[in-house]
Amino acid sequence: KQPTFQQNLFAIIDSRGVKDSAVYKKADIDRRLFAKIRADID
């Protein structure tokens, strides 16, 4: 089984040392939605 979207996304974010808040603000995504993505691997 390949890594999920969530796993790949946060691997990129963590490897770049970017704060979650910087990503969801730049992406124009609600903080709660971003937290939901962070919490759910699938």
Full PDB file with SEQRES, HELIX, SHEET, SSBOND, CRYST1, ORIGX, SCALE, CONECT and MASTER records, all heavy atoms in Angstrom:
SEQRES   1 A   42  LYS GLN PRO THR PHE GLN GLN ASN LEU PHE ALA ILE ILE          
SEQRES   2 A   42  ASP SER ARG GLY VAL LYS ASP SER ALA VAL TYR LYS LYS          
SEQRES   3 A   42  ALA ASP ILE ASP ARG ARG LEU PHE ALA LYS ILE ARG ALA          
SEQRES   4 A   42  ASP ILE ASP                                                  
HELIX    1 AA1 PHE A    5  ARG A   16  1                                  12    
HELIX    2 AA2 ASP A   20  LYS A   26  1                                   7    
HELIX    3 AA3 ARG A   31  ALA A   39  1                                   9    
CRYST1    1.000    1.000    1.000  90.00  90.00  90.00 P 1           1          
ORIGX1      1.000000  0.000000  0.000000        0.00000                         
ORIGX2      0.000000  1.000000  0.000000        0.00000                         
ORIGX3      0.000000  0.000000  1.000000        0.00000                         
SCALE1      1.000000  0.000000  0.000000        0.00000                         
SCALE2      0.000000  1.000000  0.000000        0.00000                         
SCALE3      0.000000  0.000000  1.000000        0.00000                         
ATOM      1  N   LYS A   1       0.848  -1.192   0.000  1.00  0.00           N  
ATOM      2  CA  LYS A   1       0.000   0.000   0.000  1.00  0.00           C  
ATOM      3  C   LYS A   1       0.884   1.243   0.000  1.00  0.00           C  
ATOM      4  O   LYS A   1       1.839   1.331   0.758  1.00  0.00           O  
ATOM      5  CB  LYS A   1      -0.909   0.000   1.236  1.00  0.00           C  
ATOM      6  CG  LYS A   1      -1.947   1.104   1.190  1.00  0.00           C  
ATOM      7  CD  LYS A   1      -2.822   1.096   2.415  1.00  0.00           C  
ATOM      8  CE  LYS A   1      -3.804   2.259   2.359  1.00  0.00           C  
ATOM      9  NZ  LYS A   1      -4.552   2.421   3.598  1.00  0.00           N  
ATOM     10  N   GLN A   2       0.555   2.170  -0.897  1.00  0.00           N  
ATOM     11  CA  GLN A   2       1.326   3.405  -1.007  1.00  0.00           C  
ATOM     12  C   GLN A   2       0.880   4.398   0.066  1.00  0.00           C  
ATOM     13  O   GLN A   2      -0.242   4.334   0.560  1.00  0.00           O  
ATOM     14  CB  GLN A   2       1.117   4.018  -2.399  1.00  0.00           C  
ATOM     15  CG  GLN A   2       1.604   3.153  -3.547  1.00  0.00           C  
ATOM     16  CD  GLN A   2       3.097   2.909  -3.482  1.00  0.00           C  
ATOM     17  OE1 GLN A   2       3.884   3.831  -3.398  1.00  0.00           O  
ATOM     18  NE2 GLN A   2       3.492   1.634  -3.485  1.00  0.00           N  
ATOM     19  N   PRO A   3       1.756   5.359   0.413  1.00  0.00           N  
ATOM     20  CA  PRO A   3       1.356   6.388   1.387  1.00  0.00           C  
ATOM     21  C   PRO A   3       0.141   7.162   0.883  1.00  0.00           C  
ATOM     22  O   PRO A   3      -0.017   7.370  -0.316  1.00  0.00           O  
ATOM     23  CB  PRO A   3       2.595   7.293   1.467  1.00  0.00           C  
ATOM     24  CG  PRO A   3       3.725   6.447   0.993  1.00  0.00           C  
ATOM     25  CD  PRO A   3       3.143   5.495  -0.017  1.00  0.00           C  
ATOM     26  N   THR A   4      -0.696   7.584   1.795  1.00  0.00           N  
ATOM     27  CA  THR A   4      -1.919   8.311   1.439  1.00  0.00           C  
ATOM     28  C   THR A   4      -1.599   9.770   1.099  1.00  0.00           C  
ATOM     29  O   THR A   4      -0.469  10.238   1.316  1.00  0.00           O  
ATOM     30  CB  THR A   4      -2.928   8.295   2.604  1.00  0.00           C  
ATOM     31  OG1 THR A   4      -2.348   9.034   3.704  1.00  0.00           O  
ATOM     32  CG2 THR A   4      -3.253   6.888   3.043  1.00  0.00           C  
ATOM     33  N   PHE A   5      -2.617  10.473   0.632  1.00  0.00           N  
ATOM     34  CA  PHE A   5      -2.473  11.909   0.348  1.00  0.00           C  
ATOM     35  C   PHE A   5      -1.997  12.632   1.605  1.00  0.00           C  
ATOM     36  O   PHE A   5      -1.079  13.450   1.561  1.00  0.00           O  
ATOM     37  CB  PHE A   5      -3.812  12.487  -0.122  1.00  0.00           C  
ATOM     38  CG  PHE A   5      -3.805  13.982  -0.255  1.00  0.00           C  
ATOM     39  CD1 PHE A   5      -3.338  14.589  -1.419  1.00  0.00           C  
ATOM     40  CD2 PHE A   5      -4.254  14.802   0.780  1.00  0.00           C  
ATOM     41  CE1 PHE A   5      -3.309  15.969  -1.549  1.00  0.00           C  
ATOM     42  CE2 PHE A   5      -4.226  16.187   0.664  1.00  0.00           C  
ATOM     43  CZ  PHE A   5      -3.759  16.777  -0.499  1.00  0.00           C  
ATOM     44  N   GLN A   6      -2.636  12.331   2.731  1.00  0.00           N  
ATOM     45  CA  GLN A   6      -2.307  13.001   3.991  1.00  0.00           C  
ATOM     46  C   GLN A   6      -0.853  12.761   4.378  1.00  0.00           C  
ATOM     47  O   GLN A   6      -0.131  13.678   4.770  1.00  0.00           O  
ATOM     48  CB  GLN A   6      -3.267  12.507   5.096  1.00  0.00           C  
ATOM     49  CG  GLN A   6      -3.143  13.246   6.415  1.00  0.00           C  
ATOM     50  CD  GLN A   6      -2.256  12.511   7.432  1.00  0.00           C  
ATOM     51  OE1 GLN A   6      -1.478  11.632   7.079  1.00  0.00           O  
ATOM     52  NE2 GLN A   6      -2.398  12.882   8.688  1.00  0.00           N  
ATOM     53  N   GLN A   7      -0.401  11.514   4.252  1.00  0.00           N  
ATOM     54  CA  GLN A   7       0.978  11.183   4.611  1.00  0.00           C  
ATOM     55  C   GLN A   7       1.976  11.912   3.707  1.00  0.00           C  
ATOM     56  O   GLN A   7       2.978  12.450   4.185  1.00  0.00           O  
ATOM     57  CB  GLN A   7       1.194   9.673   4.525  1.00  0.00           C  
ATOM     58  CG  GLN A   7       0.475   8.890   5.620  1.00  0.00           C  
ATOM     59  CD  GLN A   7       0.539   7.391   5.387  1.00  0.00           C  
ATOM     60  OE1 GLN A   7       0.292   6.913   4.279  1.00  0.00           O  
ATOM     61  NE2 GLN A   7       0.874   6.651   6.430  1.00  0.00           N  
ATOM     62  N   ASN A   8       1.703  11.924   2.409  1.00  0.00           N  
ATOM     63  CA  ASN A   8       2.585  12.611   1.465  1.00  0.00           C  
ATOM     64  C   ASN A   8       2.595  14.120   1.705  1.00  0.00           C  
ATOM     65  O   ASN A   8       3.652  14.748   1.681  1.00  0.00           O  
ATOM     66  CB  ASN A   8       2.155  12.322   0.023  1.00  0.00           C  
ATOM     67  CG  ASN A   8       2.603  10.956  -0.441  1.00  0.00           C  
ATOM     68  OD1 ASN A   8       3.788  10.687  -0.537  1.00  0.00           O  
ATOM     69  ND2 ASN A   8       1.659  10.082  -0.720  1.00  0.00           N  
ATOM     70  N   LEU A   9       1.409  14.679   1.932  1.00  0.00           N  
ATOM     71  CA  LEU A   9       1.287  16.123   2.156  1.00  0.00           C  
ATOM     72  C   LEU A   9       2.124  16.560   3.348  1.00  0.00           C  
ATOM     73  O   LEU A   9       2.929  17.494   3.257  1.00  0.00           O  
ATOM     74  CB  LEU A   9      -0.184  16.495   2.376  1.00  0.00           C  
ATOM     75  CG  LEU A   9      -0.448  17.947   2.803  1.00  0.00           C  
ATOM     76  CD1 LEU A   9      -0.110  18.904   1.664  1.00  0.00           C  
ATOM     77  CD2 LEU A   9      -1.898  18.118   3.235  1.00  0.00           C  
ATOM     78  N   PHE A  10       1.947  15.863   4.477  1.00  0.00           N  
ATOM     79  CA  PHE A  10       2.645  16.294   5.690  1.00  0.00           C  
ATOM     80  C   PHE A  10       4.116  15.904   5.693  1.00  0.00           C  
ATOM     81  O   PHE A  10       4.923  16.533   6.386  1.00  0.00           O  
ATOM     82  CB  PHE A  10       1.896  15.821   6.936  1.00  0.00           C  
ATOM     83  CG  PHE A  10       0.621  16.598   7.135  1.00  0.00           C  
ATOM     84  CD1 PHE A  10      -0.613  16.035   6.848  1.00  0.00           C  
ATOM     85  CD2 PHE A  10       0.662  17.925   7.532  1.00  0.00           C  
ATOM     86  CE1 PHE A  10      -1.782  16.771   6.984  1.00  0.00           C  
ATOM     87  CE2 PHE A  10      -0.496  18.675   7.673  1.00  0.00           C  
ATOM     88  CZ  PHE A  10      -1.720  18.093   7.397  1.00  0.00           C  
ATOM     89  N   ALA A  11       4.485  14.939   4.888  1.00  0.00           N  
ATOM     90  CA  ALA A  11       5.917  14.635   4.712  1.00  0.00           C  
ATOM     91  C   ALA A  11       6.591  15.824   4.023  1.00  0.00           C  
ATOM     92  O   ALA A  11       7.702  16.227   4.396  1.00  0.00           O  
ATOM     93  CB  ALA A  11       6.096  13.367   3.882  1.00  0.00           C  
ATOM     94  N   ILE A  12       5.887  16.407   3.023  1.00  0.00           N  
ATOM     95  CA  ILE A  12       6.430  17.582   2.317  1.00  0.00           C  
ATOM     96  C   ILE A  12       6.497  18.779   3.264  1.00  0.00           C  
ATOM     97  O   ILE A  12       7.522  19.464   3.359  1.00  0.00           O  
ATOM     98  CB  ILE A  12       5.561  17.928   1.079  1.00  0.00           C  
ATOM     99  CG1 ILE A  12       5.631  16.809   0.041  1.00  0.00           C  
ATOM    100  CG2 ILE A  12       6.000  19.251   0.463  1.00  0.00           C  
ATOM    101  CD1 ILE A  12       4.583  16.908  -1.059  1.00  0.00           C  
ATOM    102  N   ILE A  13       5.392  19.019   3.985  1.00  0.00           N  
ATOM    103  CA  ILE A  13       5.328  20.160   4.913  1.00  0.00           C  
ATOM    104  C   ILE A  13       6.410  20.042   5.979  1.00  0.00           C  
ATOM    105  O   ILE A  13       7.158  20.995   6.242  1.00  0.00           O  
ATOM    106  CB  ILE A  13       3.927  20.264   5.557  1.00  0.00           C  
ATOM    107  CG1 ILE A  13       2.892  20.665   4.499  1.00  0.00           C  
ATOM    108  CG2 ILE A  13       3.930  21.266   6.716  1.00  0.00           C  
ATOM    109  CD1 ILE A  13       1.451  20.603   4.964  1.00  0.00           C  
ATOM    110  N   ASP A  14       6.527  18.860   6.584  1.00  0.00           N  
ATOM    111  CA  ASP A  14       7.497  18.662   7.672  1.00  0.00           C  
ATOM    112  C   ASP A  14       8.936  18.752   7.164  1.00  0.00           C  
ATOM    113  O   ASP A  14       9.808  19.282   7.852  1.00  0.00           O  
ATOM    114  CB  ASP A  14       7.246  17.321   8.374  1.00  0.00           C  
ATOM    115  CG  ASP A  14       5.882  17.276   9.071  1.00  0.00           C  
ATOM    116  OD1 ASP A  14       5.301  18.361   9.299  1.00  0.00           O  
ATOM    117  OD2 ASP A  14       5.385  16.171   9.366  1.00  0.00           O  
ATOM    118  N   SER A  15       9.184  18.230   5.952  1.00  0.00           N  
ATOM    119  CA  SER A  15      10.546  18.272   5.405  1.00  0.00           C  
ATOM    120  C   SER A  15      10.989  19.702   5.113  1.00  0.00           C  
ATOM    121  O   SER A  15      12.170  20.013   5.113  1.00  0.00           O  
ATOM    122  CB  SER A  15      10.646  17.423   4.131  1.00  0.00           C  
ATOM    123  OG  SER A  15       9.967  18.056   3.067  1.00  0.00           O  
ATOM    124  N   ARG A  16      10.015  20.570   4.864  1.00  0.00           N  
ATOM    125  CA  ARG A  16      10.345  21.976   4.571  1.00  0.00           C  
ATOM    126  C   ARG A  16      10.357  22.844   5.820  1.00  0.00           C  
ATOM    127  O   ARG A  16      10.713  24.020   5.759  1.00  0.00           O  
ATOM    128  CB  ARG A  16       9.346  22.543   3.560  1.00  0.00           C  
ATOM    129  CG  ARG A  16       9.462  21.877   2.198  1.00  0.00           C  
ATOM    130  CD  ARG A  16       8.556  22.510   1.193  1.00  0.00           C  
ATOM    131  NE  ARG A  16       8.731  21.903  -0.120  1.00  0.00           N  
ATOM    132  CZ  ARG A  16       8.188  22.370  -1.219  1.00  0.00           C  
ATOM    133  NH1 ARG A  16       7.429  23.446  -1.179  1.00  0.00           N  
ATOM    134  NH2 ARG A  16       8.403  21.774  -2.373  1.00  0.00           N  
ATOM    135  N   GLY A  17       9.914  22.267   6.933  1.00  0.00           N  
ATOM    136  CA  GLY A  17       9.890  23.020   8.181  1.00  0.00           C  
ATOM    137  C   GLY A  17       8.918  24.191   8.156  1.00  0.00           C  
ATOM    138  O   GLY A  17       9.137  25.221   8.804  1.00  0.00           O  
ATOM    139  N   VAL A  18       7.838  24.025   7.390  1.00  0.00           N  
ATOM    140  CA  VAL A  18       6.832  25.089   7.272  1.00  0.00           C  
ATOM    141  C   VAL A  18       5.772  24.901   8.356  1.00  0.00           C  
ATOM    142  O   VAL A  18       5.387  23.774   8.670  1.00  0.00           O  
ATOM    143  CB  VAL A  18       6.145  25.033   5.884  1.00  0.00           C  
ATOM    144  CG1 VAL A  18       5.199  26.210   5.688  1.00  0.00           C  
ATOM    145  CG2 VAL A  18       7.176  25.005   4.779  1.00  0.00           C  
ATOM    146  N   LYS A  19       5.303  25.989   8.915  1.00  0.00           N  
ATOM    147  CA  LYS A  19       4.242  25.914   9.926  1.00  0.00           C  
ATOM    148  C   LYS A  19       2.913  25.610   9.254  1.00  0.00           C  
ATOM    149  O   LYS A  19       2.632  26.107   8.160  1.00  0.00           O  
ATOM    150  CB  LYS A  19       4.133  27.238  10.690  1.00  0.00           C  
ATOM    151  CG  LYS A  19       5.277  27.496  11.651  1.00  0.00           C  
ATOM    152  CD  LYS A  19       5.031  28.777  12.423  1.00  0.00           C  
ATOM    153  CE  LYS A  19       6.142  29.021  13.430  1.00  0.00           C  
ATOM    154  NZ  LYS A  19       5.946  30.295  14.151  1.00  0.00           N  
ATOM    155  N   ASP A  20       2.074  24.830   9.947  1.00  0.00           N  
ATOM    156  CA  ASP A  20       0.743  24.509   9.423  1.00  0.00           C  
ATOM    157  C   ASP A  20      -0.047  25.778   9.106  1.00  0.00           C  
ATOM    158  O   ASP A  20      -0.713  25.877   8.073  1.00  0.00           O  
ATOM    159  CB  ASP A  20      -0.049  23.658  10.419  1.00  0.00           C  
ATOM    160  CG  ASP A  20       0.419  22.205  10.447  1.00  0.00           C  
ATOM    161  OD1 ASP A  20       1.383  21.881   9.722  1.00  0.00           O  
ATOM    162  OD2 ASP A  20      -0.183  21.400  11.184  1.00  0.00           O  
ATOM    163  N   SER A  21       0.035  26.762  10.010  1.00  0.00           N  
ATOM    164  CA  SER A  21      -0.739  27.995   9.837  1.00  0.00           C  
ATOM    165  C   SER A  21      -0.343  28.720   8.552  1.00  0.00           C  
ATOM    166  O   SER A  21      -1.198  29.274   7.853  1.00  0.00           O  
ATOM    167  CB  SER A  21      -0.552  28.923  11.039  1.00  0.00           C  
ATOM    168  OG  SER A  21       0.829  29.219  11.216  1.00  0.00           O  
ATOM    169  N   ALA A  22       0.941  28.681   8.209  1.00  0.00           N  
ATOM    170  CA  ALA A  22       1.406  29.338   6.979  1.00  0.00           C  
ATOM    171  C   ALA A  22       0.824  28.645   5.756  1.00  0.00           C  
ATOM    172  O   ALA A  22       0.443  29.297   4.771  1.00  0.00           O  
ATOM    173  CB  ALA A  22       2.927  29.317   6.921  1.00  0.00           C  
ATOM    174  N   VAL A  23       0.711  27.306   5.832  1.00  0.00           N  
ATOM    175  CA  VAL A  23       0.203  26.540   4.684  1.00  0.00           C  
ATOM    176  C   VAL A  23      -1.290  26.782   4.488  1.00  0.00           C  
ATOM    177  O   VAL A  23      -1.728  27.115   3.379  1.00  0.00           O  
ATOM    178  CB  VAL A  23       0.478  25.027   4.847  1.00  0.00           C  
ATOM    179  CG1 VAL A  23      -0.139  24.239   3.695  1.00  0.00           C  
ATOM    180  CG2 VAL A  23       1.968  24.758   4.935  1.00  0.00           C  
ATOM    181  N   TYR A  24      -2.096  26.645   5.563  1.00  0.00           N  
ATOM    182  CA  TYR A  24      -3.538  26.768   5.349  1.00  0.00           C  
ATOM    183  C   TYR A  24      -3.963  28.200   5.038  1.00  0.00           C  
ATOM    184  O   TYR A  24      -4.943  28.425   4.338  1.00  0.00           O  
ATOM    185  CB  TYR A  24      -4.370  26.131   6.468  1.00  0.00           C  
ATOM    186  CG  TYR A  24      -4.313  26.737   7.854  1.00  0.00           C  
ATOM    187  CD1 TYR A  24      -4.906  27.963   8.146  1.00  0.00           C  
ATOM    188  CD2 TYR A  24      -3.719  26.041   8.900  1.00  0.00           C  
ATOM    189  CE1 TYR A  24      -4.886  28.492   9.418  1.00  0.00           C  
ATOM    190  CE2 TYR A  24      -3.688  26.564  10.183  1.00  0.00           C  
ATOM    191  CZ  TYR A  24      -4.265  27.798  10.452  1.00  0.00           C  
ATOM    192  OH  TYR A  24      -4.243  28.313  11.713  1.00  0.00           O  
ATOM    193  N   LYS A  25      -3.187  29.178   5.527  1.00  0.00           N  
ATOM    194  CA  LYS A  25      -3.509  30.575   5.183  1.00  0.00           C  
ATOM    195  C   LYS A  25      -3.193  30.837   3.709  1.00  0.00           C  
ATOM    196  O   LYS A  25      -3.977  31.452   2.999  1.00  0.00           O  
ATOM    197  CB  LYS A  25      -2.721  31.539   6.066  1.00  0.00           C  
ATOM    198  CG  LYS A  25      -3.307  31.676   7.474  1.00  0.00           C  
ATOM    199  CD  LYS A  25      -2.449  32.559   8.356  1.00  0.00           C  
ATOM    200  CE  LYS A  25      -3.002  32.592   9.772  1.00  0.00           C  
ATOM    201  NZ  LYS A  25      -2.084  33.312  10.702  1.00  0.00           N  
ATOM    202  N   LYS A  26      -2.033  30.359   3.278  1.00  0.00           N  
ATOM    203  CA  LYS A  26      -1.628  30.556   1.881  1.00  0.00           C  
ATOM    204  C   LYS A  26      -2.556  29.810   0.933  1.00  0.00           C  
ATOM    205  O   LYS A  26      -2.825  30.254  -0.183  1.00  0.00           O  
ATOM    206  CB  LYS A  26      -0.190  30.060   1.706  1.00  0.00           C  
ATOM    207  CG  LYS A  26       0.548  30.698   0.562  1.00  0.00           C  
ATOM    208  CD  LYS A  26       2.024  30.366   0.629  1.00  0.00           C  
ATOM    209  CE  LYS A  26       2.762  30.992  -0.529  1.00  0.00           C  
ATOM    210  NZ  LYS A  26       4.180  30.654  -0.525  1.00  0.00           N  
ATOM    211  N   ALA A  27      -3.052  28.636   1.389  1.00  0.00           N  
ATOM    212  CA  ALA A  27      -3.953  27.822   0.558  1.00  0.00           C  
ATOM    213  C   ALA A  27      -5.404  28.308   0.629  1.00  0.00           C  
ATOM    214  O   ALA A  27      -6.260  27.781  -0.077  1.00  0.00           O  
ATOM    215  CB  ALA A  27      -3.883  26.360   1.003  1.00  0.00           C  
ATOM    216  N   ASP A  28      -5.651  29.308   1.498  1.00  0.00           N  
ATOM    217  CA  ASP A  28      -7.012  29.827   1.686  1.00  0.00           C  
ATOM    218  C   ASP A  28      -7.968  28.703   2.114  1.00  0.00           C  
ATOM    219  O   ASP A  28      -9.061  28.543   1.568  1.00  0.00           O  
ATOM    220  CB  ASP A  28      -7.500  30.506   0.401  1.00  0.00           C  
ATOM    221  CG  ASP A  28      -8.755  31.346   0.637  1.00  0.00           C  
ATOM    222  OD1 ASP A  28      -8.949  31.825   1.760  1.00  0.00           O  
ATOM    223  OD2 ASP A  28      -9.570  31.481  -0.309  1.00  0.00           O  
ATOM    224  N   ILE A  29      -7.477  27.907   3.097  1.00  0.00           N  
ATOM    225  CA  ILE A  29      -8.259  26.786   3.630  1.00  0.00           C  
ATOM    226  C   ILE A  29      -8.566  27.060   5.104  1.00  0.00           C  
ATOM    227  O   ILE A  29      -7.718  27.581   5.830  1.00  0.00           O  
ATOM    228  CB  ILE A  29      -7.460  25.464   3.493  1.00  0.00           C  
ATOM    229  CG1 ILE A  29      -7.372  25.064   2.021  1.00  0.00           C  
ATOM    230  CG2 ILE A  29      -8.084  24.335   4.302  1.00  0.00           C  
ATOM    231  CD1 ILE A  29      -6.477  23.877   1.769  1.00  0.00           C  
ATOM    232  N   ASP A  30      -9.758  26.713   5.519  1.00  0.00           N  
ATOM    233  CA  ASP A  30     -10.175  26.898   6.906  1.00  0.00           C  
ATOM    234  C   ASP A  30      -9.273  26.096   7.849  1.00  0.00           C  
ATOM    235  O   ASP A  30      -8.898  24.960   7.548  1.00  0.00           O  
ATOM    236  CB  ASP A  30     -11.636  26.432   7.048  1.00  0.00           C  
ATOM    237  CG  ASP A  30     -12.160  26.653   8.451  1.00  0.00           C  
ATOM    238  OD1 ASP A  30     -12.355  27.818   8.831  1.00  0.00           O  
ATOM    239  OD2 ASP A  30     -12.352  25.647   9.163  1.00  0.00           O  
ATOM    240  N   ARG A  31      -8.926  26.687   8.985  1.00  0.00           N  
ATOM    241  CA  ARG A  31      -8.051  26.033   9.964  1.00  0.00           C  
ATOM    242  C   ARG A  31      -8.612  24.703  10.435  1.00  0.00           C  
ATOM    243  O   ARG A  31      -7.892  23.720  10.602  1.00  0.00           O  
ATOM    244  CB  ARG A  31      -7.839  26.964  11.174  1.00  0.00           C  
ATOM    245  CG  ARG A  31      -6.947  26.392  12.266  1.00  0.00           C  
ATOM    246  CD  ARG A  31      -6.812  27.362  13.426  1.00  0.00           C  
ATOM    247  NE  ARG A  31      -8.099  27.737  13.992  1.00  0.00           N  
ATOM    248  CZ  ARG A  31      -8.781  26.998  14.876  1.00  0.00           C  
ATOM    249  NH1 ARG A  31      -8.321  25.828  15.263  1.00  0.00           N  
ATOM    250  NH2 ARG A  31      -9.935  27.416  15.352  1.00  0.00           N  
ATOM    251  N   ARG A  32      -9.942  24.636  10.630  1.00  0.00           N  
ATOM    252  CA  ARG A  32     -10.564  23.387  11.106  1.00  0.00           C  
ATOM    253  C   ARG A  32     -10.470  22.278  10.072  1.00  0.00           C  
ATOM    254  O   ARG A  32     -10.258  21.118  10.404  1.00  0.00           O  
ATOM    255  CB  ARG A  32     -12.028  23.640  11.490  1.00  0.00           C  
ATOM    256  CG  ARG A  32     -12.187  24.403  12.810  1.00  0.00           C  
ATOM    257  CD  ARG A  32     -13.589  24.909  13.000  1.00  0.00           C  
ATOM    258  NE  ARG A  32     -13.949  25.863  11.949  1.00  0.00           N  
ATOM    259  CZ  ARG A  32     -15.103  26.497  11.889  1.00  0.00           C  
ATOM    260  NH1 ARG A  32     -16.035  26.267  12.783  1.00  0.00           N  
ATOM    261  NH2 ARG A  32     -15.353  27.356  10.920  1.00  0.00           N  
ATOM    262  N   LEU A  33     -10.617  22.662   8.795  1.00  0.00           N  
ATOM    263  CA  LEU A  33     -10.472  21.662   7.734  1.00  0.00           C  
ATOM    264  C   LEU A  33      -9.040  21.142   7.699  1.00  0.00           C  
ATOM    265  O   LEU A  33      -8.804  19.943   7.568  1.00  0.00           O  
ATOM    266  CB  LEU A  33     -10.839  22.277   6.366  1.00  0.00           C  
ATOM    267  CG  LEU A  33     -10.548  21.416   5.136  1.00  0.00           C  
ATOM    268  CD1 LEU A  33     -11.289  20.083   5.203  1.00  0.00           C  
ATOM    269  CD2 LEU A  33     -10.896  22.152   3.852  1.00  0.00           C  
ATOM    270  N   PHE A  34      -8.081  22.041   7.837  1.00  0.00           N  
ATOM    271  CA  PHE A  34      -6.679  21.634   7.816  1.00  0.00           C  
ATOM    272  C   PHE A  34      -6.365  20.717   8.991  1.00  0.00           C  
ATOM    273  O   PHE A  34      -5.653  19.716   8.845  1.00  0.00           O  
ATOM    274  CB  PHE A  34      -5.770  22.868   7.844  1.00  0.00           C  
ATOM    275  CG  PHE A  34      -4.349  22.563   7.495  1.00  0.00           C  
ATOM    276  CD1 PHE A  34      -3.943  22.474   6.164  1.00  0.00           C  
ATOM    277  CD2 PHE A  34      -3.401  22.345   8.488  1.00  0.00           C  
ATOM    278  CE1 PHE A  34      -2.625  22.173   5.833  1.00  0.00           C  
ATOM    279  CE2 PHE A  34      -2.086  22.047   8.170  1.00  0.00           C  
ATOM    280  CZ  PHE A  34      -1.695  21.962   6.839  1.00  0.00           C  
ATOM    281  N   ALA A  35      -6.936  21.031  10.167  1.00  0.00           N  
ATOM    282  CA  ALA A  35      -6.736  20.189  11.357  1.00  0.00           C  
ATOM    283  C   ALA A  35      -7.335  18.800  11.128  1.00  0.00           C  
ATOM    284  O   ALA A  35      -6.785  17.785  11.571  1.00  0.00           O  
ATOM    285  CB  ALA A  35      -7.374  20.849  12.579  1.00  0.00           C  
ATOM    286  N   LYS A  36      -8.451  18.769  10.424  1.00  0.00           N  
ATOM    287  CA  LYS A  36      -9.112  17.498  10.094  1.00  0.00           C  
ATOM    288  C   LYS A  36      -8.203  16.644   9.204  1.00  0.00           C  
ATOM    289  O   LYS A  36      -8.075  15.433   9.399  1.00  0.00           O  
ATOM    290  CB  LYS A  36     -10.424  17.819   9.355  1.00  0.00           C  
ATOM    291  CG  LYS A  36     -11.532  16.814   9.507  1.00  0.00           C  
ATOM    292  CD  LYS A  36     -12.768  17.413   8.857  1.00  0.00           C  
ATOM    293  CE  LYS A  36     -13.933  16.470   8.924  1.00  0.00           C  
ATOM    294  NZ  LYS A  36     -15.127  17.040   8.280  1.00  0.00           N  
ATOM    295  N   ILE A  37      -7.581  17.292   8.210  1.00  0.00           N  
ATOM    296  CA  ILE A  37      -6.666  16.580   7.311  1.00  0.00           C  
ATOM    297  C   ILE A  37      -5.475  16.061   8.108  1.00  0.00           C  
ATOM    298  O   ILE A  37      -5.044  14.920   7.946  1.00  0.00           O  
ATOM    299  CB  ILE A  37      -6.183  17.500   6.159  1.00  0.00           C  
ATOM    300  CG1 ILE A  37      -7.362  17.975   5.315  1.00  0.00           C  
ATOM    301  CG2 ILE A  37      -5.170  16.774   5.283  1.00  0.00           C  
ATOM    302  CD1 ILE A  37      -7.014  19.053   4.288  1.00  0.00           C  
ATOM    303  N   ARG A  38      -4.928  16.906   8.994  1.00  0.00           N  
ATOM    304  CA  ARG A  38      -3.770  16.533   9.819  1.00  0.00           C  
ATOM    305  C   ARG A  38      -4.085  15.326  10.705  1.00  0.00           C  
ATOM    306  O   ARG A  38      -3.246  14.447  10.897  1.00  0.00           O  
ATOM    307  CB  ARG A  38      -3.347  17.739  10.657  1.00  0.00           C  
ATOM    308  CG  ARG A  38      -2.295  17.513  11.705  1.00  0.00           C  
ATOM    309  CD  ARG A  38      -0.943  17.176  11.163  1.00  0.00           C  
ATOM    310  NE  ARG A  38      -0.043  18.278  10.935  1.00  0.00           N  
ATOM    311  CZ  ARG A  38       1.239  18.119  10.615  1.00  0.00           C  
ATOM    312  NH1 ARG A  38       1.762  16.911  10.506  1.00  0.00           N  
ATOM    313  NH2 ARG A  38       2.008  19.151  10.381  1.00  0.00           N  
ATOM    314  N   ALA A  39      -5.320  15.252  11.213  1.00  0.00           N  
ATOM    315  CA  ALA A  39      -5.700  14.204  12.173  1.00  0.00           C  
ATOM    316  C   ALA A  39      -6.076  12.873  11.531  1.00  0.00           C  
ATOM    317  O   ALA A  39      -6.020  11.825  12.175  1.00  0.00           O  
ATOM    318  CB  ALA A  39      -6.854  14.697  13.038  1.00  0.00           C  
ATOM    319  N   ASP A  40      -6.489  12.903  10.259  1.00  0.00           N  
ATOM    320  CA  ASP A  40      -7.007  11.688   9.615  1.00  0.00           C  
ATOM    321  C   ASP A  40      -6.088  11.221   8.494  1.00  0.00           C  
ATOM    322  O   ASP A  40      -6.012  11.850   7.435  1.00  0.00           O  
ATOM    323  CB  ASP A  40      -8.415  11.964   9.059  1.00  0.00           C  
ATOM    324  CG  ASP A  40      -9.074  10.731   8.466  1.00  0.00           C  
ATOM    325  OD1 ASP A  40      -8.444   9.656   8.439  1.00  0.00           O  
ATOM    326  OD2 ASP A  40     -10.232  10.855   8.014  1.00  0.00           O  
ATOM    327  N   ILE A  41      -5.399  10.108   8.731  1.00  0.00           N  
ATOM    328  CA  ILE A  41      -4.432   9.576   7.751  1.00  0.00           C  
ATOM    329  C   ILE A  41      -5.092   9.215   6.421  1.00  0.00           C  
ATOM    330  O   ILE A  41      -4.468   9.268   5.368  1.00  0.00           O  
ATOM    331  CB  ILE A  41      -3.699   8.347   8.347  1.00  0.00           C  
ATOM    332  CG1 ILE A  41      -2.454   8.025   7.516  1.00  0.00           C  
ATOM    333  CG2 ILE A  41      -4.608   7.151   8.471  1.00  0.00           C  
ATOM    334  CD1 ILE A  41      -1.565   6.980   8.134  1.00  0.00           C  
ATOM    335  N   ASP A  42      -6.380   8.861   6.470  1.00  0.00           N  
ATOM    336  CA  ASP A  42      -7.094   8.458   5.250  1.00  0.00           C  
ATOM    337  C   ASP A  42      -7.999   9.561   4.709  1.00  0.00           C  
ATOM    338  O   ASP A  42      -8.893   9.291   3.906  1.00  0.00           O  
ATOM    339  CB  ASP A  42      -7.923   7.194   5.520  1.00  0.00           C  
ATOM    340  CG  ASP A  42      -7.039   5.981   5.756  1.00  0.00           C  
ATOM    341  OD1 ASP A  42      -6.075   5.802   4.992  1.00  0.00           O  
ATOM    342  OD2 ASP A  42      -7.298   5.232   6.721  1.00  0.00           O  
TER     343      ASP A  42                                                      
MASTER        0    0    0    3    0    0    0    6  342    1    0    4          
END                                                                             
